[in-house]
Amino acid sequence: MKKIFQIGDKKHYKKEILASDTAAFHNIEVHPVCATFVLAREIEWATRLFVLDMLDVDEEGMGTKLIINHLSPAKVGEEIGIEAWIISLEKNELICGYEVKVGDRLIANGETGQKIFKKEKIKQILG
């Protein structure tokens, strides 16, 4: 694992909200806005950008936690911007904070956790 980041380092990621990103279950739309589970995917990706830079060729990351405070809707056609930053990096565990915004409007905030393992160890864990 490459130790190339420090506490407070940031990554940025943007994504346009599509009709396929709305809150729907079993093909029934609940609300025509970005679903919390879609935010989860995009937040995971934004914080994974750190992991991708840190991995050695024989390593991979695994999520350990995802906390989402979903505060405001993001509508279809709007662009969300995710700013992620490192809260802690101890041994093989990376903890990130993040904010999701549309312009200046706060959509969500929270925390993610990821651990970096040797791919062989992951195979053992998964059986």
C-alpha atoms as a PDB file:
ATOM      1  CA  MET A   1       0.000   0.000   0.000  1.00  0.00           C
ATOM      2  CA  LYS A   2       1.368   3.357  -1.035  1.00  0.00           C
ATOM      3  CA  LYS A   3       1.384   5.910   1.804  1.00  0.00           C
ATOM      4  CA  ILE A   4       0.926   8.957  -0.419  1.00  0.00           C
ATOM      5  CA  PHE A   5      -1.870  10.840   1.371  1.00  0.00           C
ATOM      6  CA  GLN A   6      -2.168  12.796   4.587  1.00  0.00           C
ATOM      7  CA  ILE A   7      -5.080  13.679   6.831  1.00  0.00           C
ATOM      8  CA  GLY A   8      -7.085  16.451   5.193  1.00  0.00           C
ATOM      9  CA  ASP A   9      -6.167  15.556   1.597  1.00  0.00           C
ATOM     10  CA  LYS A  10      -9.159  15.926  -0.741  1.00  0.00           C
ATOM     11  CA  LYS A  11     -10.677  14.367  -3.851  1.00  0.00           C
ATOM     12  CA  HIS A  12     -13.515  15.742  -5.986  1.00  0.00           C
ATOM     13  CA  TYR A  13     -16.023  13.909  -8.161  1.00  0.00           C
ATOM     14  CA  LYS A  14     -19.058  15.102 -10.149  1.00  0.00           C
ATOM     15  CA  LYS A  15     -22.047  13.267 -11.584  1.00  0.00           C
ATOM     16  CA  GLU A  16     -25.213  14.331 -13.372  1.00  0.00           C
ATOM     17  CA  ILE A  17     -28.386  12.845 -11.898  1.00  0.00           C
ATOM     18  CA  LEU A  18     -30.177  10.740 -14.514  1.00  0.00           C
ATOM     19  CA  ALA A  19     -33.758   9.464 -14.640  1.00  0.00           C
ATOM     20  CA  SER A  20     -32.336   6.011 -13.840  1.00  0.00           C
ATOM     21  CA  ASP A  21     -30.938   7.409 -10.556  1.00  0.00           C
ATOM     22  CA  THR A  22     -34.327   8.173  -8.983  1.00  0.00           C
ATOM     23  CA  ALA A  23     -35.785   6.502  -5.924  1.00  0.00           C
ATOM     24  CA  ALA A  24     -37.554   3.468  -7.380  1.00  0.00           C
ATOM     25  CA  PHE A  25     -38.194  -0.016  -6.069  1.00  0.00           C
ATOM     26  CA  HIS A  26     -39.234  -2.904  -8.316  1.00  0.00           C
ATOM     27  CA  ASN A  27     -39.688  -0.473 -11.227  1.00  0.00           C
ATOM     28  CA  ILE A  28     -42.059   1.769  -9.265  1.00  0.00           C
ATOM     29  CA  GLU A  29     -40.767   5.306  -8.780  1.00  0.00           C
ATOM     30  CA  VAL A  30     -41.234   6.661  -5.272  1.00  0.00           C
ATOM     31  CA  HIS A  31     -39.807  10.150  -5.876  1.00  0.00           C
ATOM     32  CA  PRO A  32     -38.389  11.761  -9.017  1.00  0.00           C
ATOM     33  CA  VAL A  33     -35.135  12.676  -7.230  1.00  0.00           C
ATOM     34  CA  CYS A  34     -31.792  10.997  -6.613  1.00  0.00           C
ATOM     35  CA  ALA A  35     -32.185   7.917  -4.434  1.00  0.00           C
ATOM     36  CA  THR A  36     -30.167   7.552  -1.262  1.00  0.00           C
ATOM     37  CA  PHE A  37     -28.823   4.235  -2.548  1.00  0.00           C
ATOM     38  CA  VAL A  38     -27.543   5.994  -5.683  1.00  0.00           C
ATOM     39  CA  LEU A  39     -25.850   8.574  -3.481  1.00  0.00           C
ATOM     40  CA  ALA A  40     -24.263   5.679  -1.608  1.00  0.00           C
ATOM     41  CA  ARG A  41     -22.765   4.307  -4.827  1.00  0.00           C
ATOM     42  CA  GLU A  42     -21.412   7.678  -5.908  1.00  0.00           C
ATOM     43  CA  ILE A  43     -20.050   8.498  -2.437  1.00  0.00           C
ATOM     44  CA  GLU A  44     -18.305   5.110  -2.322  1.00  0.00           C
ATOM     45  CA  TRP A  45     -16.742   5.859  -5.708  1.00  0.00           C
ATOM     46  CA  ALA A  46     -15.596   9.351  -4.662  1.00  0.00           C
ATOM     47  CA  THR A  47     -13.809   8.031  -1.578  1.00  0.00           C
ATOM     48  CA  ARG A  48     -12.508   4.985  -3.474  1.00  0.00           C
ATOM     49  CA  LEU A  49     -10.523   7.412  -5.638  1.00  0.00           C
ATOM     50  CA  PHE A  50      -8.054   7.608  -2.735  1.00  0.00           C
ATOM     51  CA  VAL A  51      -7.811   3.809  -2.559  1.00  0.00           C
ATOM     52  CA  LEU A  52      -7.183   3.468  -6.295  1.00  0.00           C
ATOM     53  CA  ASP A  53      -4.122   5.710  -5.960  1.00  0.00           C
ATOM     54  CA  MET A  54      -2.885   3.816  -2.899  1.00  0.00           C
ATOM     55  CA  LEU A  55      -3.180   0.216  -4.141  1.00  0.00           C
ATOM     56  CA  ASP A  56      -0.234  -1.949  -5.030  1.00  0.00           C
ATOM     57  CA  VAL A  57      -0.919  -4.393  -7.896  1.00  0.00           C
ATOM     58  CA  ASP A  58      -1.564  -7.266  -5.466  1.00  0.00           C
ATOM     59  CA  GLU A  59      -4.064  -5.314  -3.327  1.00  0.00           C
ATOM     60  CA  GLU A  60      -7.732  -4.333  -3.352  1.00  0.00           C
ATOM     61  CA  GLY A  61      -9.998  -2.268  -1.122  1.00  0.00           C
ATOM     62  CA  MET A  62     -13.120  -3.350   0.753  1.00  0.00           C
ATOM     63  CA  GLY A  63     -15.730  -1.057   2.254  1.00  0.00           C
ATOM     64  CA  THR A  64     -16.181  -1.184   6.019  1.00  0.00           C
ATOM     65  CA  LYS A  65     -18.767   1.522   6.675  1.00  0.00           C
ATOM     66  CA  LEU A  66     -20.973   4.089   4.995  1.00  0.00           C
ATOM     67  CA  ILE A  67     -22.809   6.779   6.928  1.00  0.00           C
ATOM     68  CA  ILE A  68     -25.166   8.990   4.904  1.00  0.00           C
ATOM     69  CA  ASN A  69     -27.053  11.969   6.249  1.00  0.00           C
ATOM     70  CA  HIS A  70     -29.356  12.657   3.273  1.00  0.00           C
ATOM     71  CA  LEU A  71     -30.420  16.269   3.825  1.00  0.00           C
ATOM     72  CA  SER A  72     -31.857  17.612   0.569  1.00  0.00           C
ATOM     73  CA  PRO A  73     -33.037  16.235  -2.796  1.00  0.00           C
ATOM     74  CA  ALA A  74     -30.986  16.283  -5.991  1.00  0.00           C
ATOM     75  CA  LYS A  75     -33.249  16.483  -9.033  1.00  0.00           C
ATOM     76  CA  VAL A  76     -32.862  14.769 -12.397  1.00  0.00           C
ATOM     77  CA  GLY A  77     -30.573  16.877 -14.567  1.00  0.00           C
ATOM     78  CA  GLU A  78     -28.738  18.454 -11.630  1.00  0.00           C
ATOM     79  CA  GLU A  79     -25.054  17.799 -11.115  1.00  0.00           C
ATOM     80  CA  ILE A  80     -23.874  16.634  -7.725  1.00  0.00           C
ATOM     81  CA  GLY A  81     -20.378  17.459  -6.608  1.00  0.00           C
ATOM     82  CA  ILE A  82     -18.764  15.263  -3.985  1.00  0.00           C
ATOM     83  CA  GLU A  83     -15.834  16.508  -1.953  1.00  0.00           C
ATOM     84  CA  ALA A  84     -14.135  13.765   0.052  1.00  0.00           C
ATOM     85  CA  TRP A  85     -11.306  14.153   2.533  1.00  0.00           C
ATOM     86  CA  ILE A  86      -9.181  11.889   4.662  1.00  0.00           C
ATOM     87  CA  ILE A  87     -10.096  11.838   8.337  1.00  0.00           C
ATOM     88  CA  SER A  88      -7.700   9.058   9.335  1.00  0.00           C
ATOM     89  CA  LEU A  89      -5.359   6.536   7.778  1.00  0.00           C
ATOM     90  CA  GLU A  90      -4.134   3.943  10.239  1.00  0.00           C
ATOM     91  CA  LYS A  91      -2.514   0.695   9.189  1.00  0.00           C
ATOM     92  CA  ASN A  92      -4.664  -0.502   6.266  1.00  0.00           C
ATOM     93  CA  GLU A  93      -7.852   1.431   7.136  1.00  0.00           C
ATOM     94  CA  LEU A  94      -8.897   4.670   5.446  1.00  0.00           C
ATOM     95  CA  ILE A  95     -11.691   6.796   6.957  1.00  0.00           C
ATOM     96  CA  CYS A  96     -13.073   9.628   4.839  1.00  0.00           C
ATOM     97  CA  GLY A  97     -15.534  12.411   5.415  1.00  0.00           C
ATOM     98  CA  TYR A  98     -17.531  13.843   2.536  1.00  0.00           C
ATOM     99  CA  GLU A  99     -20.092  16.408   1.445  1.00  0.00           C
ATOM    100  CA  VAL A 100     -22.412  16.136  -1.545  1.00  0.00           C
ATOM    101  CA  LYS A 101     -23.666  19.421  -2.987  1.00  0.00           C
ATOM    102  CA  VAL A 102     -25.668  20.790  -5.883  1.00  0.00           C
ATOM    103  CA  GLY A 103     -24.104  24.220  -6.250  1.00  0.00           C
ATOM    104  CA  ASP A 104     -24.026  25.606  -2.713  1.00  0.00           C
ATOM    105  CA  ARG A 105     -26.932  23.428  -1.506  1.00  0.00           C
ATOM    106  CA  LEU A 106     -25.878  20.589   0.802  1.00  0.00           C
ATOM    107  CA  ILE A 107     -27.419  17.302  -0.332  1.00  0.00           C
ATOM    108  CA  ALA A 108     -25.664  14.860   2.014  1.00  0.00           C
ATOM    109  CA  ASN A 109     -22.711  14.393   4.313  1.00  0.00           C
ATOM    110  CA  GLY A 110     -21.189  11.613   6.330  1.00  0.00           C
ATOM    111  CA  GLU A 111     -18.322   9.181   6.519  1.00  0.00           C
ATOM    112  CA  THR A 112     -16.958   6.123   4.767  1.00  0.00           C
ATOM    113  CA  GLY A 113     -14.496   3.441   5.787  1.00  0.00           C
ATOM    114  CA  GLN A 114     -12.358   1.183   3.622  1.00  0.00           C
ATOM    115  CA  LYS A 115      -9.600  -1.308   4.284  1.00  0.00           C
ATOM    116  CA  ILE A 116      -6.876  -2.329   1.888  1.00  0.00           C
ATOM    117  CA  PHE A 117      -5.995  -6.023   1.798  1.00  0.00           C
ATOM    118  CA  LYS A 118      -3.814  -8.278  -0.280  1.00  0.00           C
ATOM    119  CA  LYS A 119      -6.001  -9.875  -2.963  1.00  0.00           C
ATOM    120  CA  GLU A 120      -5.010 -13.284  -1.612  1.00  0.00           C
ATOM    121  CA  LYS A 121      -6.357 -12.313   1.836  1.00  0.00           C
ATOM    122  CA  ILE A 122      -9.663 -11.234   0.255  1.00  0.00           C
ATOM    123  CA  LYS A 123      -9.955 -14.630  -1.430  1.00  0.00           C
ATOM    124  CA  GLN A 124      -9.481 -16.250   1.991  1.00  0.00           C
ATOM    125  CA  ILE A 125     -12.080 -13.972   3.593  1.00  0.00           C
ATOM    126  CA  LEU A 126     -14.635 -14.694   0.866  1.00  0.00           C
ATOM    127  CA  GLY A 127     -13.927 -18.410   0.953  1.00  0.00           C
END
